[in-house]
Amino acid sequence: GANTNNMVFVANVQGLISPSSSSAAKFDENVMVEFNIDNNGNNVED
């Protein structure tokens, strides 16, 4: 992050939403997004 003591995580979903469809776009309440963070380099989320 701009504050070097922080990390920023971003996930983008539903690509290619056209401007004409943007006003109707919403997150699906049946979908959870999970950020998996590996702190020790073993490729398994900690």
All heavy atoms as atom14 arrays in JSON, in Angstrom:
{
  "sequence": "GANTNNMVFVANVQGLISPSSSSAAKFDENVMVEFNIDNNGNNVED",
  "atom14_mask": [
    [1, 1, 1, 1, 0, 0, 0, 0, 0, 0, 0, 0, 0, 0],
    [1, 1, 1, 1, 1, 0, 0, 0, 0, 0, 0, 0, 0, 0],
    [1, 1, 1, 1, 1, 1, 1, 1, 0, 0, 0, 0, 0, 0],
    [1, 1, 1, 1, 1, 1, 1, 0, 0, 0, 0, 0, 0, 0],
    [1, 1, 1, 1, 1, 1, 1, 1, 0, 0, 0, 0, 0, 0],
    [1, 1, 1, 1, 1, 1, 1, 1, 0, 0, 0, 0, 0, 0],
    [1, 1, 1, 1, 1, 1, 1, 1, 0, 0, 0, 0, 0, 0],
    [1, 1, 1, 1, 1, 1, 1, 0, 0, 0, 0, 0, 0, 0],
    [1, 1, 1, 1, 1, 1, 1, 1, 1, 1, 1, 0, 0, 0],
    [1, 1, 1, 1, 1, 1, 1, 0, 0, 0, 0, 0, 0, 0],
    [1, 1, 1, 1, 1, 0, 0, 0, 0, 0, 0, 0, 0, 0],
    [1, 1, 1, 1, 1, 1, 1, 1, 0, 0, 0, 0, 0, 0],
    [1, 1, 1, 1, 1, 1, 1, 0, 0, 0, 0, 0, 0, 0],
    [1, 1, 1, 1, 1, 1, 1, 1, 1, 0, 0, 0, 0, 0],
    [1, 1, 1, 1, 0, 0, 0, 0, 0, 0, 0, 0, 0, 0],
    [1, 1, 1, 1, 1, 1, 1, 1, 0, 0, 0, 0, 0, 0],
    [1, 1, 1, 1, 1, 1, 1, 1, 0, 0, 0, 0, 0, 0],
    [1, 1, 1, 1, 1, 1, 0, 0, 0, 0, 0, 0, 0, 0],
    [1, 1, 1, 1, 1, 1, 1, 0, 0, 0, 0, 0, 0, 0],
    [1, 1, 1, 1, 1, 1, 0, 0, 0, 0, 0, 0, 0, 0],
    [1, 1, 1, 1, 1, 1, 0, 0, 0, 0, 0, 0, 0, 0],
    [1, 1, 1, 1, 1, 1, 0, 0, 0, 0, 0, 0, 0, 0],
    [1, 1, 1, 1, 1, 1, 0, 0, 0, 0, 0, 0, 0, 0],
    [1, 1, 1, 1, 1, 0, 0, 0, 0, 0, 0, 0, 0, 0],
    [1, 1, 1, 1, 1, 0, 0, 0, 0, 0, 0, 0, 0, 0],
    [1, 1, 1, 1, 1, 1, 1, 1, 1, 0, 0, 0, 0, 0],
    [1, 1, 1, 1, 1, 1, 1, 1, 1, 1, 1, 0, 0, 0],
    [1, 1, 1, 1, 1, 1, 1, 1, 0, 0, 0, 0, 0, 0],
    [1, 1, 1, 1, 1, 1, 1, 1, 1, 0, 0, 0, 0, 0],
    [1, 1, 1, 1, 1, 1, 1, 1, 0, 0, 0, 0, 0, 0],
    [1, 1, 1, 1, 1, 1, 1, 0, 0, 0, 0, 0, 0, 0],
    [1, 1, 1, 1, 1, 1, 1, 1, 0, 0, 0, 0, 0, 0],
    [1, 1, 1, 1, 1, 1, 1, 0, 0, 0, 0, 0, 0, 0],
    [1, 1, 1, 1, 1, 1, 1, 1, 1, 0, 0, 0, 0, 0],
    [1, 1, 1, 1, 1, 1, 1, 1, 1, 1, 1, 0, 0, 0],
    [1, 1, 1, 1, 1, 1, 1, 1, 0, 0, 0, 0, 0, 0],
    [1, 1, 1, 1, 1, 1, 1, 1, 0, 0, 0, 0, 0, 0],
    [1, 1, 1, 1, 1, 1, 1, 1, 0, 0, 0, 0, 0, 0],
    [1, 1, 1, 1, 1, 1, 1, 1, 0, 0, 0, 0, 0, 0],
    [1, 1, 1, 1, 1, 1, 1, 1, 0, 0, 0, 0, 0, 0],
    [1, 1, 1, 1, 0, 0, 0, 0, 0, 0, 0, 0, 0, 0],
    [1, 1, 1, 1, 1, 1, 1, 1, 0, 0, 0, 0, 0, 0],
    [1, 1, 1, 1, 1, 1, 1, 1, 0, 0, 0, 0, 0, 0],
    [1, 1, 1, 1, 1, 1, 1, 0, 0, 0, 0, 0, 0, 0],
    [1, 1, 1, 1, 1, 1, 1, 1, 1, 0, 0, 0, 0, 0],
    [1, 1, 1, 1, 1, 1, 1, 1, 0, 0, 0, 0, 0, 0]
  ],
  "atom14_positions": [
    [[0.81, -1.2, 0.0], [0.0, 0.0, 0.0], [0.84, 1.26, 0.0], [2.07, 1.21, 0.17], [0.0, 0.0, 0.0], [0.0, 0.0, 0.0], [0.0, 0.0, 0.0], [0.0, 0.0, 0.0], [0.0, 0.0, 0.0], [0.0, 0.0, 0.0], [0.0, 0.0, 0.0], [0.0, 0.0, 0.0], [0.0, 0.0, 0.0], [0.0, 0.0, 0.0]],
    [[0.18, 2.41, -0.2], [0.87, 3.7, -0.1], [1.5, 3.83, 1.28], [2.6, 4.35, 1.43], [-0.1, 4.85, -0.37], [0.0, 0.0, 0.0], [0.0, 0.0, 0.0], [0.0, 0.0, 0.0], [0.0, 0.0, 0.0], [0.0, 0.0, 0.0], [0.0, 0.0, 0.0], [0.0, 0.0, 0.0], [0.0, 0.0, 0.0], [0.0, 0.0, 0.0]],
    [[0.79, 3.31, 2.31], [1.38, 3.14, 3.63], [2.14, 1.82, 3.55], [1.55, 0.75, 3.44], [0.28, 3.07, 4.69], [0.82, 2.75, 6.07], [1.94, 2.27, 6.23], [0.01, 2.99, 7.08], [0.0, 0.0, 0.0], [0.0, 0.0, 0.0], [0.0, 0.0, 0.0], [0.0, 0.0, 0.0], [0.0, 0.0, 0.0], [0.0, 0.0, 0.0]],
    [[3.46, 1.88, 3.58], [4.29, 0.69, 3.34], [4.14, -0.39, 4.41], [4.68, -1.48, 4.27], [5.78, 1.08, 3.2], [6.2, 1.75, 4.39], [5.99, 1.98, 1.99], [0.0, 0.0, 0.0], [0.0, 0.0, 0.0], [0.0, 0.0, 0.0], [0.0, 0.0, 0.0], [0.0, 0.0, 0.0], [0.0, 0.0, 0.0], [0.0, 0.0, 0.0]],
    [[3.38, -0.1, 5.46], [3.09, -1.11, 6.48], [1.86, -1.94, 6.11], [1.45, -2.8, 6.88], [2.86, -0.44, 7.84], [4.12, 0.19, 8.37], [5.2, -0.4, 8.28], [4.01, 1.39, 8.9], [0.0, 0.0, 0.0], [0.0, 0.0, 0.0], [0.0, 0.0, 0.0], [0.0, 0.0, 0.0], [0.0, 0.0, 0.0], [0.0, 0.0, 0.0]],
    [[1.26, -1.65, 4.95], [0.03, -2.33, 4.54], [0.21, -3.11, 3.25], [1.07, -2.79, 2.44], [-1.1, -1.3, 4.32], [-1.54, -0.65, 5.6], [-1.21, -1.07, 6.7], [-2.32, 0.41, 5.46], [0.0, 0.0, 0.0], [0.0, 0.0, 0.0], [0.0, 0.0, 0.0], [0.0, 0.0, 0.0], [0.0, 0.0, 0.0], [0.0, 0.0, 0.0]],
    [[-0.65, -4.1, 3.06], [-0.78, -4.83, 1.79], [-2.19, -4.59, 1.26], [-3.15, -4.52, 2.03], [-0.57, -6.34, 1.98], [0.86, -6.75, 2.23], [1.98, -6.42, 0.85], [1.3, -7.44, -0.44], [0.0, 0.0, 0.0], [0.0, 0.0, 0.0], [0.0, 0.0, 0.0], [0.0, 0.0, 0.0], [0.0, 0.0, 0.0], [0.0, 0.0, 0.0]],
    [[-2.29, -4.49, -0.07], [-3.57, -4.29, -0.74], [-3.85, -5.53, -1.59], [-2.97, -6.01, -2.3], [-3.55, -3.04, -1.63], [-4.89, -2.85, -2.34], [-3.2, -1.8, -0.81], [0.0, 0.0, 0.0], [0.0, 0.0, 0.0], [0.0, 0.0, 0.0], [0.0, 0.0, 0.0], [0.0, 0.0, 0.0], [0.0, 0.0, 0.0], [0.0, 0.0, 0.0]],
    [[-5.07, -6.02, -1.49], [-5.52, -7.15, -2.3], [-6.73, -6.72, -3.11], [-7.65, -6.1, -2.56], [-5.9, -8.34, -1.41], [-4.77, -8.83, -0.56], [-4.6, -8.39, 0.74], [-3.84, -9.74, -1.08], [-3.55, -8.84, 1.53], [-2.79, -10.19, -0.3], [-2.63, -9.74, 1.01], [0.0, 0.0, 0.0], [0.0, 0.0, 0.0], [0.0, 0.0, 0.0]],
    [[-6.73, -7.03, -4.4], [-7.82, -6.65, -5.3], [-8.23, -7.88, -6.1], [-7.38, -8.57, -6.65], [-7.38, -5.54, -6.3], [-8.53, -5.15, -7.22], [-6.83, -4.33, -5.56], [0.0, 0.0, 0.0], [0.0, 0.0, 0.0], [0.0, 0.0, 0.0], [0.0, 0.0, 0.0], [0.0, 0.0, 0.0], [0.0, 0.0, 0.0], [0.0, 0.0, 0.0]],
    [[-9.52, -8.11, -6.18], [-10.07, -9.14, -7.07], [-11.12, -8.47, -7.94], [-12.0, -7.76, -7.42], [-10.69, -10.29, -6.29], [0.0, 0.0, 0.0], [0.0, 0.0, 0.0], [0.0, 0.0, 0.0], [0.0, 0.0, 0.0], [0.0, 0.0, 0.0], [0.0, 0.0, 0.0], [0.0, 0.0, 0.0], [0.0, 0.0, 0.0], [0.0, 0.0, 0.0]],
    [[-11.0, -8.64, -9.24], [-12.0, -8.14, -10.18], [-12.77, -9.33, -10.73], [-12.18, -10.33, -11.13], [-11.34, -7.38, -11.33], [-10.73, -6.08, -10.87], [-11.15, -5.5, -9.88], [-9.72, -5.63, -11.58], [0.0, 0.0, 0.0], [0.0, 0.0, 0.0], [0.0, 0.0, 0.0], [0.0, 0.0, 0.0], [0.0, 0.0, 0.0], [0.0, 0.0, 0.0]],
    [[-14.09, -9.2, -10.76], [-14.95, -10.25, -11.3], [-15.85, -9.65, -12.38], [-16.01, -8.43, -12.47], [-15.8, -10.93, -10.2], [-14.91, -11.62, -9.18], [-16.71, -9.94, -9.5], [0.0, 0.0, 0.0], [0.0, 0.0, 0.0], [0.0, 0.0, 0.0], [0.0, 0.0, 0.0], [0.0, 0.0, 0.0], [0.0, 0.0, 0.0], [0.0, 0.0, 0.0]],
    [[-16.44, -10.52, -13.19], [-17.39, -10.12, -14.23], [-16.78, -9.16, -15.25], [-17.22, -8.04, -15.42], [-18.64, -9.47, -13.62], [-19.37, -10.32, -12.62], [-20.56, -9.61, -12.02], [-21.3, -8.95, -12.73], [-20.71, -9.74, -10.73], [0.0, 0.0, 0.0], [0.0, 0.0, 0.0], [0.0, 0.0, 0.0], [0.0, 0.0, 0.0], [0.0, 0.0, 0.0]],
    [[-15.79, -9.62, -15.94], [-15.11, -8.77, -16.91], [-15.97, -8.39, -18.1], [-17.01, -9.0, -18.38], [0.0, 0.0, 0.0], [0.0, 0.0, 0.0], [0.0, 0.0, 0.0], [0.0, 0.0, 0.0], [0.0, 0.0, 0.0], [0.0, 0.0, 0.0], [0.0, 0.0, 0.0], [0.0, 0.0, 0.0], [0.0, 0.0, 0.0], [0.0, 0.0, 0.0]],
    [[-15.52, -7.35, -18.78], [-16.13, -6.85, -20.02], [-17.58, -6.41, -19.85], [-18.41, -6.62, -20.73], [-16.0, -7.89, -21.14], [-14.58, -8.31, -21.49], [-14.58, -9.43, -22.52], [-13.76, -7.13, -21.97], [0.0, 0.0, 0.0], [0.0, 0.0, 0.0], [0.0, 0.0, 0.0], [0.0, 0.0, 0.0], [0.0, 0.0, 0.0], [0.0, 0.0, 0.0]],
    [[-17.88, -5.77, -18.72], [-19.22, -5.18, -18.54], [-19.27, -3.93, -19.39], [-18.48, -3.0, -19.2], [-19.49, -4.85, -17.06], [-19.39, -6.11, -16.2], [-20.85, -4.19, -16.91], [-19.41, -5.84, -14.7], [0.0, 0.0, 0.0], [0.0, 0.0, 0.0], [0.0, 0.0, 0.0], [0.0, 0.0, 0.0], [0.0, 0.0, 0.0], [0.0, 0.0, 0.0]],
    [[-20.19, -3.89, -20.33], [-20.29, -2.74, -21.24], [-20.9, -1.55, -20.5], [-21.63, -1.72, -19.51], [-21.16, -3.09, -22.44], [-22.51, -3.24, -22.03], [0.0, 0.0, 0.0], [0.0, 0.0, 0.0], [0.0, 0.0, 0.0], [0.0, 0.0, 0.0], [0.0, 0.0, 0.0], [0.0, 0.0, 0.0], [0.0, 0.0, 0.0], [0.0, 0.0, 0.0]],
    [[-20.62, -0.33, -20.97], [-21.23, 0.85, -20.35], [-22.76, 0.76, -20.3], [-23.37, 1.16, -19.31], [-20.76, 2.0, -21.23], [-19.45, 1.52, -21.77], [-19.65, 0.04, -22.0], [0.0, 0.0, 0.0], [0.0, 0.0, 0.0], [0.0, 0.0, 0.0], [0.0, 0.0, 0.0], [0.0, 0.0, 0.0], [0.0, 0.0, 0.0], [0.0, 0.0, 0.0]],
    [[-23.37, 0.18, -21.32], [-24.83, 0.08, -21.33], [-25.35, -0.93, -20.31], [-26.51, -0.86, -19.9], [-25.33, -0.3, -22.73], [-24.83, -1.57, -23.11], [0.0, 0.0, 0.0], [0.0, 0.0, 0.0], [0.0, 0.0, 0.0], [0.0, 0.0, 0.0], [0.0, 0.0, 0.0], [0.0, 0.0, 0.0], [0.0, 0.0, 0.0], [0.0, 0.0, 0.0]],
    [[-24.5, -1.86, -19.86], [-24.9, -2.86, -18.86], [-24.45, -2.49, -17.45], [-24.8, -3.18, -16.49], [-24.32, -4.23, -19.23], [-24.78, -4.65, -20.48], [0.0, 0.0, 0.0], [0.0, 0.0, 0.0], [0.0, 0.0, 0.0], [0.0, 0.0, 0.0], [0.0, 0.0, 0.0], [0.0, 0.0, 0.0], [0.0, 0.0, 0.0], [0.0, 0.0, 0.0]],
    [[-23.66, -1.44, -17.32], [-23.04, -1.11, -16.04], [-24.03, -0.81, -14.94], [-23.83, -1.19, -13.79], [-22.07, 0.06, -16.21], [-20.97, -0.34, -17.0], [0.0, 0.0, 0.0], [0.0, 0.0, 0.0], [0.0, 0.0, 0.0], [0.0, 0.0, 0.0], [0.0, 0.0, 0.0], [0.0, 0.0, 0.0], [0.0, 0.0, 0.0], [0.0, 0.0, 0.0]],
    [[-25.12, -0.12, -15.25], [-26.07, 0.25, -14.2], [-26.77, -0.96, -13.6], [-27.24, -0.91, -12.48], [-27.09, 1.26, -14.73], [-27.84, 0.68, -15.77], [0.0, 0.0, 0.0], [0.0, 0.0, 0.0], [0.0, 0.0, 0.0], [0.0, 0.0, 0.0], [0.0, 0.0, 0.0], [0.0, 0.0, 0.0], [0.0, 0.0, 0.0], [0.0, 0.0, 0.0]],
    [[-26.82, -2.07, -14.32], [-27.47, -3.28, -13.82], [-26.48, -4.25, -13.18], [-26.89, -5.26, -12.61], [-28.21, -3.98, -14.96], [0.0, 0.0, 0.0], [0.0, 0.0, 0.0], [0.0, 0.0, 0.0], [0.0, 0.0, 0.0], [0.0, 0.0, 0.0], [0.0, 0.0, 0.0], [0.0, 0.0, 0.0], [0.0, 0.0, 0.0], [0.0, 0.0, 0.0]],
    [[-25.19, -3.97, -13.27], [-24.18, -4.9, -12.75], [-24.24, -4.96, -11.23], [-24.42, -3.95, -10.56], [-22.8, -4.46, -13.2], [0.0, 0.0, 0.0], [0.0, 0.0, 0.0], [0.0, 0.0, 0.0], [0.0, 0.0, 0.0], [0.0, 0.0, 0.0], [0.0, 0.0, 0.0], [0.0, 0.0, 0.0], [0.0, 0.0, 0.0], [0.0, 0.0, 0.0]],
    [[-24.11, -6.17, -10.7], [-24.06, -6.34, -9.24], [-23.32, -7.62, -8.91], [-23.16, -8.51, -9.75], [-25.47, -6.34, -8.64], [-26.35, -7.46, -9.11], [-27.73, -7.37, -8.48], [-28.57, -8.57, -8.91], [-29.85, -8.57, -8.23], [0.0, 0.0, 0.0], [0.0, 0.0, 0.0], [0.0, 0.0, 0.0], [0.0, 0.0, 0.0], [0.0, 0.0, 0.0]],
    [[-22.86, -7.71, -7.69], [-22.19, -8.91, -7.21], [-23.24, -10.01, -7.01], [-24.34, -9.75, -6.56], [-21.47, -8.66, -5.88], [-20.26, -7.77, -6.01], [-20.33, -6.44, -5.65], [-19.06, -8.28, -6.48], [-19.22, -5.62, -5.75], [-17.94, -7.46, -6.58], [-18.03, -6.13, -6.22], [0.0, 0.0, 0.0], [0.0, 0.0, 0.0], [0.0, 0.0, 0.0]],
    [[-22.85, -11.23, -7.29], [-23.72, -12.37, -7.06], [-23.64, -12.75, -5.59], [-22.55, -13.04, -5.07], [-23.25, -13.54, -7.94], [-24.16, -14.75, -7.87], [-24.9, -14.9, -6.87], [-24.13, -15.56, -8.82], [0.0, 0.0, 0.0], [0.0, 0.0, 0.0], [0.0, 0.0, 0.0], [0.0, 0.0, 0.0], [0.0, 0.0, 0.0], [0.0, 0.0, 0.0]],
    [[-24.77, -12.74, -4.9], [-24.78, -13.04, -3.47], [-24.52, -14.52, -3.17], [-24.42, -14.9, -2.02], [-26.08, -12.56, -2.83], [-26.17, -11.05, -2.81], [-27.3, -10.52, -1.94], [-28.05, -11.32, -1.34], [-27.41, -9.28, -1.86], [0.0, 0.0, 0.0], [0.0, 0.0, 0.0], [0.0, 0.0, 0.0], [0.0, 0.0, 0.0], [0.0, 0.0, 0.0]],
    [[-24.39, -15.34, -4.21], [-24.06, -16.74, -4.02], [-22.59, -17.02, -4.28], [-22.19, -18.19, -4.38], [-24.91, -17.61, -4.96], [-26.35, -17.59, -4.55], [-26.67, -17.78, -3.38], [-27.22, -17.32, -5.49], [0.0, 0.0, 0.0], [0.0, 0.0, 0.0], [0.0, 0.0, 0.0], [0.0, 0.0, 0.0], [0.0, 0.0, 0.0], [0.0, 0.0, 0.0]],
    [[-21.78, -15.96, -4.37], [-20.36, -16.12, -4.66], [-19.54, -15.43, -3.57], [-19.74, -14.26, -3.28], [-20.0, -15.52, -6.04], [-18.49, -15.55, -6.26], [-20.72, -16.28, -7.14], [0.0, 0.0, 0.0], [0.0, 0.0, 0.0], [0.0, 0.0, 0.0], [0.0, 0.0, 0.0], [0.0, 0.0, 0.0], [0.0, 0.0, 0.0], [0.0, 0.0, 0.0]],
    [[-18.63, -16.19, -2.97], [-17.67, -15.64, -2.02], [-16.33, -15.54, -2.74], [-15.93, -16.47, -3.43], [-17.5, -16.54, -0.81], [-16.38, -16.08, 0.13], [-16.09, -17.16, 1.54], [-15.23, -18.52, 0.78], [0.0, 0.0, 0.0], [0.0, 0.0, 0.0], [0.0, 0.0, 0.0], [0.0, 0.0, 0.0], [0.0, 0.0, 0.0], [0.0, 0.0, 0.0]],
    [[-15.65, -14.42, -2.57], [-14.29, -14.28, -3.09], [-13.35, -14.44, -1.91], [-13.54, -13.82, -0.87], [-14.09, -12.92, -3.79], [-12.62, -12.7, -4.13], [-14.95, -12.84, -5.04], [0.0, 0.0, 0.0], [0.0, 0.0, 0.0], [0.0, 0.0, 0.0], [0.0, 0.0, 0.0], [0.0, 0.0, 0.0], [0.0, 0.0, 0.0], [0.0, 0.0, 0.0]],
    [[-12.35, -15.3, -2.08], [-11.4, -15.56, -1.0], [-9.99, -15.24, -1.47], [-9.56, -15.74, -2.52], [-11.49, -17.02, -0.56], [-10.58, -17.37, 0.6], [-10.83, -18.78, 1.09], [-10.18, -19.7, 0.55], [-11.67, -18.94, 1.98], [0.0, 0.0, 0.0], [0.0, 0.0, 0.0], [0.0, 0.0, 0.0], [0.0, 0.0, 0.0], [0.0, 0.0, 0.0]],
    [[-9.3, -14.41, -0.71], [-7.89, -14.13, -0.97], [-7.09, -15.12, -0.13], [-7.2, -15.14, 1.09], [-7.54, -12.7, -0.54], [-8.29, -11.64, -1.29], [-9.47, -11.11, -0.77], [-7.83, -11.17, -2.51], [-10.16, -10.13, -1.46], [-8.52, -10.19, -3.2], [-9.69, -9.67, -2.68], [0.0, 0.0, 0.0], [0.0, 0.0, 0.0], [0.0, 0.0, 0.0]],
    [[-6.3, -15.96, -0.79], [-5.46, -16.94, -0.1], [-4.05, -16.37, 0.0], [-3.46, -15.98, -0.99], [-5.44, -18.26, -0.87], [-6.8, -18.9, -0.89], [-7.48, -18.96, 0.12], [-7.21, -19.39, -2.05], [0.0, 0.0, 0.0], [0.0, 0.0, 0.0], [0.0, 0.0, 0.0], [0.0, 0.0, 0.0], [0.0, 0.0, 0.0], [0.0, 0.0, 0.0]],
    [[-3.52, -16.35, 1.23], [-2.24, -15.72, 1.5], [-1.26, -16.77, 2.01], [-1.49, -17.41, 3.04], [-2.4, -14.58, 2.54], [-3.43, -13.57, 2.04], [-1.05, -13.93, 2.83], [-3.95, -12.64, 3.11], [0.0, 0.0, 0.0], [0.0, 0.0, 0.0], [0.0, 0.0, 0.0], [0.0, 0.0, 0.0], [0.0, 0.0, 0.0], [0.0, 0.0, 0.0]],
    [[-0.17, -16.94, 1.27], [0.9, -17.87, 1.65], [2.03, -17.05, 2.25], [2.66, -16.26, 1.56], [1.38, -18.63, 0.4], [2.58, -19.51, 0.68], [2.86, -19.81, 1.86], [3.26, -19.88, -0.29], [0.0, 0.0, 0.0], [0.0, 0.0, 0.0], [0.0, 0.0, 0.0], [0.0, 0.0, 0.0], [0.0, 0.0, 0.0], [0.0, 0.0, 0.0]],
    [[2.29, -17.22, 3.54], [3.34, -16.45, 4.22], [4.69, -17.14, 4.28], [5.67, -16.54, 4.71], [2.9, -16.1, 5.64], [1.91, -14.97, 5.66], [1.91, -14.11, 4.79], [1.03, -14.96, 6.66], [0.0, 0.0, 0.0], [0.0, 0.0, 0.0], [0.0, 0.0, 0.0], [0.0, 0.0, 0.0], [0.0, 0.0, 0.0], [0.0, 0.0, 0.0]],
    [[4.77, -18.42, 3.89], [6.04, -19.12, 4.07], [6.57, -19.76, 2.78], [7.54, -20.52, 2.83], [5.92, -20.17, 5.18], [4.87, -21.22, 4.88], [4.4, -21.35, 3.75], [4.49, -21.96, 5.92], [0.0, 0.0, 0.0], [0.0, 0.0, 0.0], [0.0, 0.0, 0.0], [0.0, 0.0, 0.0], [0.0, 0.0, 0.0], [0.0, 0.0, 0.0]],
    [[5.98, -19.47, 1.64], [6.52, -19.91, 0.36], [6.29, -21.37, 0.0], [6.91, -21.88, -0.92], [0.0, 0.0, 0.0], [0.0, 0.0, 0.0], [0.0, 0.0, 0.0], [0.0, 0.0, 0.0], [0.0, 0.0, 0.0], [0.0, 0.0, 0.0], [0.0, 0.0, 0.0], [0.0, 0.0, 0.0], [0.0, 0.0, 0.0], [0.0, 0.0, 0.0]],
    [[5.37, -22.06, 0.7], [5.13, -23.47, 0.38], [3.95, -23.67, -0.57], [3.52, -24.8, -0.8], [4.93, -24.28, 1.66], [3.64, -23.93, 2.39], [2.97, -22.95, 2.07], [3.31, -24.72, 3.39], [0.0, 0.0, 0.0], [0.0, 0.0, 0.0], [0.0, 0.0, 0.0], [0.0, 0.0, 0.0], [0.0, 0.0, 0.0], [0.0, 0.0, 0.0]],
    [[3.42, -22.58, -1.1], [2.3, -22.61, -2.05], [1.01, -23.18, -1.47], [0.16, -23.71, -2.18], [2.67, -23.36, -3.33], [3.81, -22.69, -4.05], [3.87, -21.46, -4.13], [4.74, -23.47, -4.56], [0.0, 0.0, 0.0], [0.0, 0.0, 0.0], [0.0, 0.0, 0.0], [0.0, 0.0, 0.0], [0.0, 0.0, 0.0], [0.0, 0.0, 0.0]],
    [[0.86, -23.07, -0.15], [-0.37, -23.43, 0.54], [-0.78, -22.23, 1.38], [0.05, -21.65, 2.08], [-0.17, -24.68, 1.45], [-1.43, -24.99, 2.24], [0.26, -25.87, 0.61], [0.0, 0.0, 0.0], [0.0, 0.0, 0.0], [0.0, 0.0, 0.0], [0.0, 0.0, 0.0], [0.0, 0.0, 0.0], [0.0, 0.0, 0.0], [0.0, 0.0, 0.0]],
    [[-2.05, -21.88, 1.32], [-2.49, -20.69, 2.05], [-2.35, -20.88, 3.57], [-2.72, -21.91, 4.11], [-3.92, -20.3, 1.69], [-5.01, -21.29, 2.09], [-5.32, -22.32, 1.02], [-4.42, -22.67, 0.22], [-6.45, -22.82, 1.0], [0.0, 0.0, 0.0], [0.0, 0.0, 0.0], [0.0, 0.0, 0.0], [0.0, 0.0, 0.0], [0.0, 0.0, 0.0]],
    [[-1.76, -19.85, 4.2], [-1.64, -19.81, 5.66], [-2.77, -18.99, 6.26], [-3.17, -19.22, 7.4], [-0.3, -19.19, 6.06], [0.87, -19.98, 5.51], [0.96, -21.18, 5.83], [1.67, -19.41, 4.73], [0.0, 0.0, 0.0], [0.0, 0.0, 0.0], [0.0, 0.0, 0.0], [0.0, 0.0, 0.0], [0.0, 0.0, 0.0], [0.0, 0.0, 0.0]]
  ]
}
